[in-house]
N, C-alpha and C. Protein backbone atom coordinates (compact mmCIF):
# COMPACT_ATOMS: atom_id res chain seq x y z
N UNK A 1 -143.92 14.21 -18.87
CA UNK A 1 -144.09 16.09 -18.73
C UNK A 1 -144.83 16.72 -17.76
N UNK A 2 -143.78 18.00 -17.80
CA UNK A 2 -142.91 18.77 -16.60
C UNK A 2 -144.18 20.19 -16.92
N UNK A 3 -144.79 20.44 -15.84
CA UNK A 3 -145.54 21.52 -15.69
C UNK A 3 -144.89 22.57 -14.84
N UNK A 4 -144.59 23.12 -14.83
CA UNK A 4 -144.11 24.78 -14.26
C UNK A 4 -145.10 25.66 -13.14
N UNK A 5 -144.62 25.39 -12.03
CA UNK A 5 -146.07 26.83 -11.49
C UNK A 5 -144.90 27.74 -10.57
N UNK A 6 -145.36 28.91 -11.07
CA UNK A 6 -144.35 29.25 -9.91
C UNK A 6 -145.29 29.95 -8.94
N UNK A 7 -144.20 30.43 -8.35
CA UNK A 7 -144.90 30.65 -7.07
C UNK A 7 -143.87 31.30 -5.68
N UNK A 8 -143.69 33.35 -6.08
CA UNK A 8 -142.61 33.59 -5.37
C UNK A 8 -141.34 33.26 -5.78
N UNK A 9 -140.38 32.95 -4.97
CA UNK A 9 -138.75 32.19 -5.15
C UNK A 9 -139.32 31.60 -5.58
N UNK A 10 -139.98 29.88 -5.73
CA UNK A 10 -139.34 28.66 -5.64
C UNK A 10 -140.03 28.02 -6.71
N UNK A 11 -140.25 27.24 -7.60
CA UNK A 11 -141.29 26.32 -8.49
C UNK A 11 -141.16 24.96 -8.69
N UNK A 12 -142.32 25.05 -8.49
CA UNK A 12 -142.66 23.65 -8.32
C UNK A 12 -142.87 23.60 -9.36
N UNK A 13 -142.60 22.01 -9.72
CA UNK A 13 -142.21 21.60 -11.31
C UNK A 13 -142.88 19.73 -10.76
N UNK A 14 -143.50 19.62 -12.09
CA UNK A 14 -144.52 18.32 -11.68
C UNK A 14 -143.97 16.90 -12.60
N UNK A 15 -143.52 15.73 -12.52
CA UNK A 15 -143.29 14.57 -13.39
C UNK A 15 -143.57 14.02 -13.50
N UNK A 16 -144.75 13.74 -14.40
CA UNK A 16 -145.64 12.50 -14.13
C UNK A 16 -146.72 13.51 -12.58
N UNK A 17 -146.64 12.47 -11.91
CA UNK A 17 -147.75 12.58 -10.30
C UNK A 17 -146.95 13.18 -9.26
N UNK A 18 -145.53 13.04 -10.09
CA UNK A 18 -144.99 13.60 -7.93
C UNK A 18 -144.50 14.91 -8.61
N UNK A 19 -144.70 15.93 -7.11
CA UNK A 19 -144.36 17.46 -7.75
C UNK A 19 -142.68 17.61 -7.49
N UNK A 20 -142.07 18.67 -7.39
CA UNK A 20 -141.05 18.50 -6.93
C UNK A 20 -140.53 19.91 -6.46
N UNK A 21 -140.08 20.64 -5.83
CA UNK A 21 -139.69 21.97 -5.55
C UNK A 21 -138.21 22.41 -5.57
N UNK A 22 -138.29 23.14 -6.94
CA UNK A 22 -137.01 23.58 -7.32
C UNK A 22 -137.06 25.58 -6.48
N UNK A 23 -136.01 25.64 -5.65
CA UNK A 23 -135.84 26.92 -5.57
C UNK A 23 -135.28 27.79 -6.02
N UNK A 24 -134.74 29.46 -6.39
CA UNK A 24 -134.32 29.98 -6.85
C UNK A 24 -133.32 30.95 -6.15
N UNK A 25 -132.38 30.90 -5.97
CA UNK A 25 -131.63 31.63 -5.25
C UNK A 25 -130.89 32.61 -5.33
N UNK A 26 -131.82 34.30 -5.11
CA UNK A 26 -131.20 35.74 -6.14
C UNK A 26 -130.11 35.99 -5.08
N UNK A 27 -129.18 36.67 -5.88
CA UNK A 27 -128.25 37.85 -5.48
C UNK A 27 -129.09 39.60 -4.83
N UNK A 28 -128.87 38.82 -3.94
CA UNK A 28 -129.72 40.84 -3.43
C UNK A 28 -128.82 42.15 -4.26
N UNK A 29 -129.89 42.77 -4.39
CA UNK A 29 -129.58 44.17 -5.53
C UNK A 29 -129.39 45.54 -4.31
N UNK A 30 -127.94 45.58 -5.41
CA UNK A 30 -127.10 46.39 -3.94
C UNK A 30 -128.47 48.30 -4.51
N UNK A 31 -127.99 48.80 -3.57
CA UNK A 31 -129.13 49.79 -3.22
C UNK A 31 -128.42 51.36 -4.25
N UNK A 32 -129.65 51.33 -4.74
CA UNK A 32 -129.30 52.42 -5.66
C UNK A 32 -128.51 54.00 -5.03
N UNK A 33 -127.63 54.75 -5.45
CA UNK A 33 -128.40 56.21 -4.35
C UNK A 33 -129.56 56.90 -5.81
N UNK A 34 -130.60 58.19 -4.35
CA UNK A 34 -131.03 58.71 -4.77
C UNK A 34 -130.78 59.78 -4.99
N UNK A 35 -130.95 60.29 -6.70
CA UNK A 35 -130.65 61.85 -6.95
C UNK A 35 -131.85 62.86 -6.91
N UNK A 36 -131.73 63.88 -6.10
CA UNK A 36 -132.62 64.46 -5.99
C UNK A 36 -132.16 65.73 -4.70
N UNK A 37 -132.68 66.78 -4.44
CA UNK A 37 -132.78 67.42 -3.61
C UNK A 37 -133.65 68.01 -2.69
N UNK A 38 -133.22 68.92 -1.21
CA UNK A 38 -133.57 68.60 -0.25
C UNK A 38 -134.20 70.11 -0.28
N UNK A 39 -135.40 70.11 -0.07
CA UNK A 39 -136.91 71.47 -0.36
C UNK A 39 -137.47 71.93 0.94
N UNK A 40 -138.58 72.22 0.92
CA UNK A 40 -138.75 73.03 1.77
C UNK A 40 -140.49 73.37 1.69
N UNK A 41 -141.14 72.44 2.37
CA UNK A 41 -142.45 71.97 2.19
C UNK A 41 -143.31 74.06 1.81
N UNK A 42 -143.95 73.90 0.89
CA UNK A 42 -144.19 75.15 0.64
C UNK A 42 -145.61 76.13 2.05
N UNK A 43 -146.01 74.67 2.17
CA UNK A 43 -147.43 74.56 2.56
C UNK A 43 -147.44 74.48 4.29
N UNK A 44 -146.64 73.89 4.52
CA UNK A 44 -146.15 73.06 5.86
C UNK A 44 -144.90 73.90 6.48
N UNK A 45 -144.60 73.98 5.40
CA UNK A 45 -142.71 74.32 5.39
C UNK A 45 -141.26 73.22 6.21
N UNK A 46 -142.38 71.59 5.84
CA UNK A 46 -141.44 70.80 6.69
C UNK A 46 -140.34 70.43 5.37
N UNK A 47 -139.18 70.13 5.79
CA UNK A 47 -137.88 69.17 4.95
C UNK A 47 -138.26 68.16 4.35
N UNK A 48 -138.32 68.01 3.20
CA UNK A 48 -138.13 67.32 2.24
C UNK A 48 -137.96 66.63 1.03
N UNK A 49 -137.01 65.10 0.79
CA UNK A 49 -136.56 65.00 0.32
C UNK A 49 -136.86 65.05 -1.61
N UNK A 50 -137.13 65.76 -2.71
CA UNK A 50 -137.07 65.50 -3.66
C UNK A 50 -136.08 65.09 -4.64
N UNK A 51 -136.84 63.32 -5.33
CA UNK A 51 -136.15 62.82 -6.43
C UNK A 51 -136.58 63.21 -7.39
N UNK A 52 -135.54 63.71 -8.44
CA UNK A 52 -135.28 64.40 -9.47
C UNK A 52 -135.20 62.52 -10.73
N UNK A 53 -136.59 63.20 -11.85
CA UNK A 53 -136.90 61.97 -12.57
C UNK A 53 -136.93 62.45 -13.61
N UNK A 54 -136.91 61.65 -15.29
CA UNK A 54 -136.33 62.06 -16.11
C UNK A 54 -137.94 62.49 -16.83
N UNK A 55 -138.56 61.74 -16.04
CA UNK A 55 -140.43 62.66 -16.88
C UNK A 55 -141.25 63.04 -16.08
N UNK A 56 -140.30 63.80 -14.92
CA UNK A 56 -141.84 64.43 -13.86
C UNK A 56 -142.21 65.69 -14.91
N UNK A 57 -143.38 65.54 -15.43
CA UNK A 57 -144.94 66.14 -15.89
C UNK A 57 -144.52 67.78 -15.53
N UNK A 58 -145.38 66.89 -13.97
CA UNK A 58 -146.61 67.49 -12.84
C UNK A 58 -145.20 69.32 -12.31
N UNK A 59 -145.12 69.79 -12.46
CA UNK A 59 -144.04 70.66 -12.16
C UNK A 59 -144.56 71.23 -10.73
N UNK A 60 -145.43 71.28 -9.96
CA UNK A 60 -146.01 72.01 -9.22
C UNK A 60 -146.23 71.63 -8.29
N UNK A 61 -146.30 70.22 -8.30
CA UNK A 61 -146.61 69.02 -6.53
C UNK A 61 -144.78 69.74 -6.35
N UNK A 62 -143.84 69.67 -7.42
CA UNK A 62 -142.72 69.22 -6.72
C UNK A 62 -142.66 70.45 -5.25
N UNK A 63 -143.23 71.20 -5.32
CA UNK A 63 -143.41 71.81 -4.19
C UNK A 63 -143.76 71.85 -3.09
N UNK A 64 -144.11 70.98 -2.03
CA UNK A 64 -145.01 69.89 -1.62
C UNK A 64 -144.02 68.49 -0.59
N UNK A 65 -144.39 68.72 0.38
CA UNK A 65 -144.36 67.43 0.83
C UNK A 65 -145.26 66.74 0.40
N UNK A 66 -146.30 66.90 -0.17
CA UNK A 66 -147.47 65.17 0.05
C UNK A 66 -148.54 66.33 -0.91
N UNK A 67 -149.79 65.61 -1.31
CA UNK A 67 -150.35 65.77 -1.81
C UNK A 67 -151.19 66.62 -0.97
N UNK A 68 -151.43 65.94 -0.60
CA UNK A 68 -152.36 67.09 1.00
C UNK A 68 -152.05 68.84 1.28
N UNK A 69 -151.22 68.34 1.54
CA UNK A 69 -149.97 69.97 1.13
C UNK A 69 -150.49 70.93 0.13
N UNK A 70 -150.16 70.02 -0.78
CA UNK A 70 -150.83 70.67 -2.24
C UNK A 70 -151.32 71.24 -2.26
N UNK A 71 -152.89 69.69 -2.57
CA UNK A 71 -154.03 71.06 -2.42
C UNK A 71 -154.13 71.78 -1.24
N UNK A 72 -153.86 71.50 -0.39
CA UNK A 72 -154.64 72.81 0.46
C UNK A 72 -153.75 74.41 0.13
N UNK A 73 -152.84 73.95 -0.61
CA UNK A 73 -152.15 75.92 -1.19
C UNK A 73 -152.24 76.15 -2.60
N UNK A 74 -152.63 74.79 -3.07
CA UNK A 74 -153.39 75.46 -4.85
C UNK A 74 -154.17 75.77 -4.63
N UNK A 75 -154.89 76.80 -5.29
CA UNK A 75 -155.90 77.04 -5.61
C UNK A 75 -156.88 76.74 -7.08
N UNK A 76 -157.78 76.61 -6.33
CA UNK A 76 -158.55 75.91 -8.07
C UNK A 76 -158.35 76.96 -9.54
N UNK A 77 -158.91 76.41 -10.43
CA UNK A 77 -158.54 78.10 -11.92
C UNK A 77 -159.79 78.76 -11.30
N UNK A 78 -161.19 78.09 -10.68
CA UNK A 78 -162.19 79.56 -11.30
C UNK A 78 -162.89 79.52 -9.66
N UNK A 79 -161.87 79.39 -8.44
CA UNK A 79 -162.14 79.72 -6.98
C UNK A 79 -162.39 81.26 -7.19
N UNK A 80 -162.67 81.47 -6.41
CA UNK A 80 -163.65 82.84 -6.15
C UNK A 80 -162.76 83.78 -4.94
N UNK A 81 -162.36 82.71 -4.35
CA UNK A 81 -161.83 83.14 -3.02
C UNK A 81 -163.23 83.25 -1.61
N UNK A 82 -164.60 82.46 -2.02
CA UNK A 82 -165.49 82.35 -0.56
C UNK A 82 -166.55 83.71 -1.12
N UNK A 83 -166.47 84.15 -1.83
CA UNK A 83 -166.79 85.39 -2.40
C UNK A 83 -168.40 85.63 -3.75
N UNK A 84 -169.26 85.43 -4.02
CA UNK A 84 -169.75 85.01 -5.32
C UNK A 84 -170.82 86.36 -4.86
N UNK A 85 -171.07 87.25 -6.51
CA UNK A 85 -172.64 87.76 -6.51
C UNK A 85 -173.81 86.60 -7.16
N UNK A 86 -174.49 87.16 -6.28
CA UNK A 86 -175.50 86.11 -6.77
C UNK A 86 -176.55 86.49 -7.83
N UNK A 87 -177.99 85.84 -8.51
CA UNK A 87 -178.01 86.63 -9.27
C UNK A 87 -179.51 88.05 -9.11
N UNK A 88 -179.06 87.97 -7.83
CA UNK A 88 -179.98 89.63 -7.28
C UNK A 88 -178.65 90.96 -7.11
N UNK A 89 -177.61 90.73 -7.06
CA UNK A 89 -176.58 91.39 -6.85
C UNK A 89 -176.41 91.46 -5.68
N UNK A 90 -176.60 90.55 -4.87
CA UNK A 90 -176.02 90.51 -2.96
C UNK A 90 -175.09 89.27 -3.39
N UNK A 91 -173.82 89.80 -1.93
CA UNK A 91 -172.45 88.97 -1.73
C UNK A 91 -173.12 87.93 -0.81
N UNK A 92 -172.47 86.76 -1.63
CA UNK A 92 -172.50 85.33 -0.49
C UNK A 92 -171.46 85.34 -0.89
N UNK A 93 -170.82 84.73 0.43
CA UNK A 93 -169.73 84.28 1.56
C UNK A 93 -170.26 82.95 1.41
N UNK A 94 -168.88 82.47 1.28
CA UNK A 94 -169.00 81.04 2.09
C UNK A 94 -169.49 80.59 4.07
N UNK A 95 -169.92 79.91 3.74
CA UNK A 95 -170.71 79.70 4.63
C UNK A 95 -169.07 79.77 5.96
N UNK A 96 -168.61 80.42 7.09
CA UNK A 96 -167.74 80.81 8.10
C UNK A 96 -167.89 78.93 9.03
N UNK A 97 -166.91 78.61 10.20
CA UNK A 97 -166.97 78.01 10.30
C UNK A 97 -168.14 77.77 11.50
N UNK A 98 -167.65 79.92 12.53
CA UNK A 98 -168.58 80.14 13.83
C UNK A 98 -170.19 80.59 13.46
N UNK A 99 -170.65 80.42 12.09
CA UNK A 99 -172.73 80.92 11.31
C UNK A 99 -172.88 80.20 11.60
N UNK A 100 -174.12 80.93 12.54
CA UNK A 100 -175.11 80.30 12.89
C UNK A 100 -176.70 80.61 12.16
N UNK A 101 -176.37 80.95 11.00
CA UNK A 101 -177.12 80.93 10.38
C UNK A 101 -178.19 80.02 9.83
N UNK A 102 -179.19 79.51 10.30
CA UNK A 102 -180.17 78.57 10.17
C UNK A 102 -180.17 77.83 8.23
N UNK A 103 -179.74 78.46 7.62
CA UNK A 103 -180.24 78.13 6.13
C UNK A 103 -178.93 77.46 5.85
N UNK A 104 -179.85 76.20 5.34
CA UNK A 104 -178.89 75.43 4.46
C UNK A 104 -178.34 75.79 3.23
N UNK A 105 -177.31 75.60 3.24
CA UNK A 105 -176.01 75.50 1.99
C UNK A 105 -175.17 75.75 2.53
N UNK A 106 -173.73 76.65 1.26
CA UNK A 106 -172.30 76.51 1.84
C UNK A 106 -172.66 77.50 1.38
N UNK A 107 -173.50 78.36 1.33
CA UNK A 107 -172.91 80.41 0.47
C UNK A 107 -174.39 80.77 1.72
N UNK A 108 -174.10 82.18 2.50
CA UNK A 108 -174.69 82.86 3.09
C UNK A 108 -174.65 83.91 2.58
N UNK A 109 -175.69 84.79 2.95
CA UNK A 109 -175.56 86.55 2.73
C UNK A 109 -174.93 87.47 3.49
N UNK A 110 -173.92 88.13 2.94
CA UNK A 110 -173.00 88.94 3.76
C UNK A 110 -173.42 89.75 4.50
N UNK A 111 -174.03 89.98 3.81
CA UNK A 111 -174.32 91.40 4.61
C UNK A 111 -175.37 90.76 6.07
N UNK A 112 -176.02 89.81 5.65
CA UNK A 112 -177.13 88.99 7.19
C UNK A 112 -175.55 88.24 8.36
N UNK A 113 -174.96 87.73 7.59
CA UNK A 113 -174.01 87.86 8.11
C UNK A 113 -172.69 88.60 9.64
N UNK A 114 -173.36 89.36 8.57
CA UNK A 114 -172.24 90.72 9.52
C UNK A 114 -173.26 91.88 10.32
N UNK A 115 -174.72 90.80 10.33
CA UNK A 115 -175.62 91.99 11.13
C UNK A 115 -175.53 91.56 12.65
N UNK A 116 -175.33 89.88 12.09
CA UNK A 116 -175.58 88.87 13.35
C UNK A 116 -175.04 88.36 13.97
N UNK A 117 -173.11 89.03 13.45
CA UNK A 117 -171.90 89.49 14.22
C UNK A 117 -171.82 90.00 15.42
N UNK A 118 -172.34 91.12 14.01
CA UNK A 118 -172.50 92.84 15.31
C UNK A 118 -173.42 92.68 16.37
N UNK A 119 -174.97 92.18 15.72
CA UNK A 119 -175.55 91.61 17.08
C UNK A 119 -175.71 90.99 18.46
N UNK A 120 -174.49 89.47 17.38
CA UNK A 120 -174.11 88.40 18.65
C UNK A 120 -175.34 87.71 18.73
N UNK A 121 -176.50 87.58 17.98
CA UNK A 121 -177.46 86.29 17.31
C UNK A 121 -177.43 85.80 16.17
N UNK A 122 -178.88 85.09 16.22
CA UNK A 122 -179.23 84.23 14.81
C UNK A 122 -180.14 85.53 14.36
N UNK A 123 -179.97 85.93 13.03
CA UNK A 123 -181.07 86.26 12.64
C UNK A 123 -181.96 85.95 12.61
N UNK A 124 -183.37 86.11 12.76
CA UNK A 124 -185.08 85.75 12.08
C UNK A 124 -185.62 85.61 11.01
N UNK A 125 -185.81 84.80 10.58
CA UNK A 125 -186.56 84.36 8.98
C UNK A 125 -186.80 86.34 8.66
N UNK A 126 -187.81 86.42 9.41
CA UNK A 126 -188.55 87.77 9.11
C UNK A 126 -187.89 88.97 9.23
N UNK A 127 -186.95 89.17 9.32
CA UNK A 127 -185.66 90.15 9.68
C UNK A 127 -185.67 90.95 8.04
N UNK A 128 -185.10 91.83 8.30
CA UNK A 128 -185.00 92.27 7.00
C UNK A 128 -183.56 93.46 6.98
N UNK A 129 -182.74 93.31 6.70
CA UNK A 129 -181.53 93.82 6.82
C UNK A 129 -181.09 94.88 5.41
N UNK A 130 -181.53 96.00 5.43
CA UNK A 130 -181.62 97.14 4.63
C UNK A 130 -180.46 97.33 4.35
N UNK A 131 -180.23 98.30 2.68
CA UNK A 131 -179.22 98.65 2.84
C UNK A 131 -179.26 100.29 2.16
N UNK A 132 -179.13 100.91 2.86
CA UNK A 132 -179.21 102.32 2.79
C UNK A 132 -178.95 103.27 1.50
N UNK A 133 -177.46 102.53 1.60
CA UNK A 133 -177.74 104.25 0.54
C UNK A 133 -178.29 102.98 -1.04
N UNK A 134 -178.76 101.74 -0.92
CA UNK A 134 -178.58 101.37 -2.19
C UNK A 134 -178.16 99.85 -2.79
N UNK A 135 -176.90 100.32 -2.62
CA UNK A 135 -176.43 99.28 -3.72
C UNK A 135 -176.17 98.69 -2.61
N UNK A 136 -176.27 97.23 -3.54
CA UNK A 136 -175.84 95.55 -1.97
C UNK A 136 -174.57 94.81 -2.40
N UNK A 137 -173.76 96.17 -3.20
CA UNK A 137 -172.37 94.87 -2.50
C UNK A 137 -171.98 95.78 -1.48
N UNK A 138 -172.60 96.95 -0.42
CA UNK A 138 -171.89 97.95 0.02
C UNK A 138 -172.60 97.54 1.63
N UNK A 139 -171.55 96.52 1.56
CA UNK A 139 -171.26 96.15 3.57
C UNK A 139 -171.20 95.75 4.71
N UNK A 140 -170.70 97.75 4.77
CA UNK A 140 -170.06 98.32 5.38
C UNK A 140 -171.50 98.66 7.11
N UNK A 141 -171.20 98.20 7.84
CA UNK A 141 -171.74 98.48 8.88
C UNK A 141 -173.09 100.04 8.96
N UNK A 142 -171.91 100.13 8.71
CA UNK A 142 -173.04 101.68 9.40
C UNK A 142 -173.98 102.20 7.99
N UNK A 143 -173.70 100.94 6.89
CA UNK A 143 -174.23 101.32 5.66
C UNK A 143 -175.62 100.43 5.92
N UNK A 144 -175.65 99.07 6.87
CA UNK A 144 -177.21 98.70 7.06
C UNK A 144 -178.14 98.92 7.53
N UNK A 145 -178.89 98.77 7.98
CA UNK A 145 -180.00 98.60 8.80
C UNK A 145 -181.19 97.57 8.64
N UNK A 146 -181.62 96.80 10.24
CA UNK A 146 -181.81 95.76 10.36
C UNK A 146 -183.82 96.47 11.02
N UNK A 147 -184.62 96.07 10.48
CA UNK A 147 -185.27 95.93 10.50
C UNK A 147 -185.98 94.70 11.01
N UNK A 148 -187.81 94.84 11.84
CA UNK A 148 -188.10 93.63 12.17
C UNK A 148 -188.76 92.68 11.54
N UNK A 149 -189.38 93.61 10.59
CA UNK A 149 -189.85 92.13 9.55
C UNK A 149 -190.35 93.20 8.41
N UNK A 150 -190.42 92.33 7.68
CA UNK A 150 -191.40 92.78 6.20
C UNK A 150 -191.84 94.66 5.56
N UNK A 151 -193.42 94.38 6.36
CA UNK A 151 -193.77 95.77 6.66
C UNK A 151 -193.27 96.77 7.00
N UNK A 152 -192.50 96.48 8.51
CA UNK A 152 -191.42 97.61 8.71
C UNK A 152 -190.68 98.10 7.77
N UNK A 153 -189.78 97.85 7.35
CA UNK A 153 -189.18 97.53 6.15
C UNK A 153 -189.62 98.91 4.75
N UNK A 154 -190.81 98.53 5.13
CA UNK A 154 -192.04 99.08 3.33
C UNK A 154 -192.16 100.55 4.22
N UNK A 155 -192.91 100.46 4.91
CA UNK A 155 -192.84 101.53 5.78
C UNK A 155 -191.87 102.56 5.94
N UNK A 156 -190.96 102.25 6.22
CA UNK A 156 -189.31 103.48 6.32
C UNK A 156 -189.17 103.84 5.17
N UNK A 157 -189.29 102.59 3.77
CA UNK A 157 -189.13 103.14 2.61
C UNK A 157 -189.45 103.61 1.43
N UNK A 158 -190.61 103.84 2.21
CA UNK A 158 -191.60 104.41 1.08
C UNK A 158 -192.87 105.38 1.88
N UNK A 159 -192.60 105.61 2.84
CA UNK A 159 -193.20 106.91 3.91
C UNK A 159 -192.43 107.10 4.19
N UNK A 160 -191.10 107.58 3.75
CA UNK A 160 -189.78 108.34 3.83
C UNK A 160 -190.04 108.68 5.57
N UNK A 161 -189.16 107.62 6.31
CA UNK A 161 -189.53 107.06 7.72
C UNK A 161 -187.26 107.99 7.10
N UNK A 162 -187.31 108.12 8.14
CA UNK A 162 -185.35 108.27 8.04
C UNK A 162 -184.91 106.96 8.05
N UNK A 163 -184.15 106.42 7.21
CA UNK A 163 -183.11 105.62 7.35
C UNK A 163 -181.68 105.43 8.22
N UNK A 164 -182.37 105.12 8.96
CA UNK A 164 -180.75 105.56 10.53
C UNK A 164 -179.74 104.42 10.34
N UNK A 165 -179.13 104.57 9.97
CA UNK A 165 -178.08 104.19 9.83
C UNK A 165 -177.68 102.42 11.19
N UNK A 166 -177.15 101.23 11.39
CA UNK A 166 -176.97 100.60 12.69
C UNK A 166 -175.93 100.68 12.92
N UNK A 167 -176.24 101.00 14.85
CA UNK A 167 -174.91 101.67 15.44
C UNK A 167 -175.21 100.03 16.19
N UNK A 168 -173.45 99.74 17.07
CA UNK A 168 -173.23 99.35 17.98
C UNK A 168 -173.99 99.70 19.13
N UNK A 169 -174.21 101.15 19.35
CA UNK A 169 -174.64 101.26 21.27
C UNK A 169 -176.16 100.45 21.20
């Protein structure tokens, strides 16, 4: 009785107890011409060859040389551009690489970050940044005032001390 075992390009046949190898010779295939076009990547500008296939369903990836370039360029449907408004009405920004704020997390308060950049140091936890006109989303430097602590902030707010704007001088 003969058993057949396939290994690569050869077959091992068993005739009783003795195995023998039968070699299979395949003819080399002719290289087929690729059909497509030469395009420039929208993300990095590198030129790449895009093969046209019948079943290419996702057309958006055909604009990029690699998936990595496509992910860098394409935005998620829910992307807010790095800014969100929290439940208290303050604008939070995605943590920049040059941020020295010690708070953990992806997002930081934009008005605190702007003051940190202006005074070129990290704010202490006790320091309060006040919006002079009361609009929490108005983060212009001339609308922000830095207080040393919470009691100083309350004193200026309730006792009527003048609310001077933050100045770089």
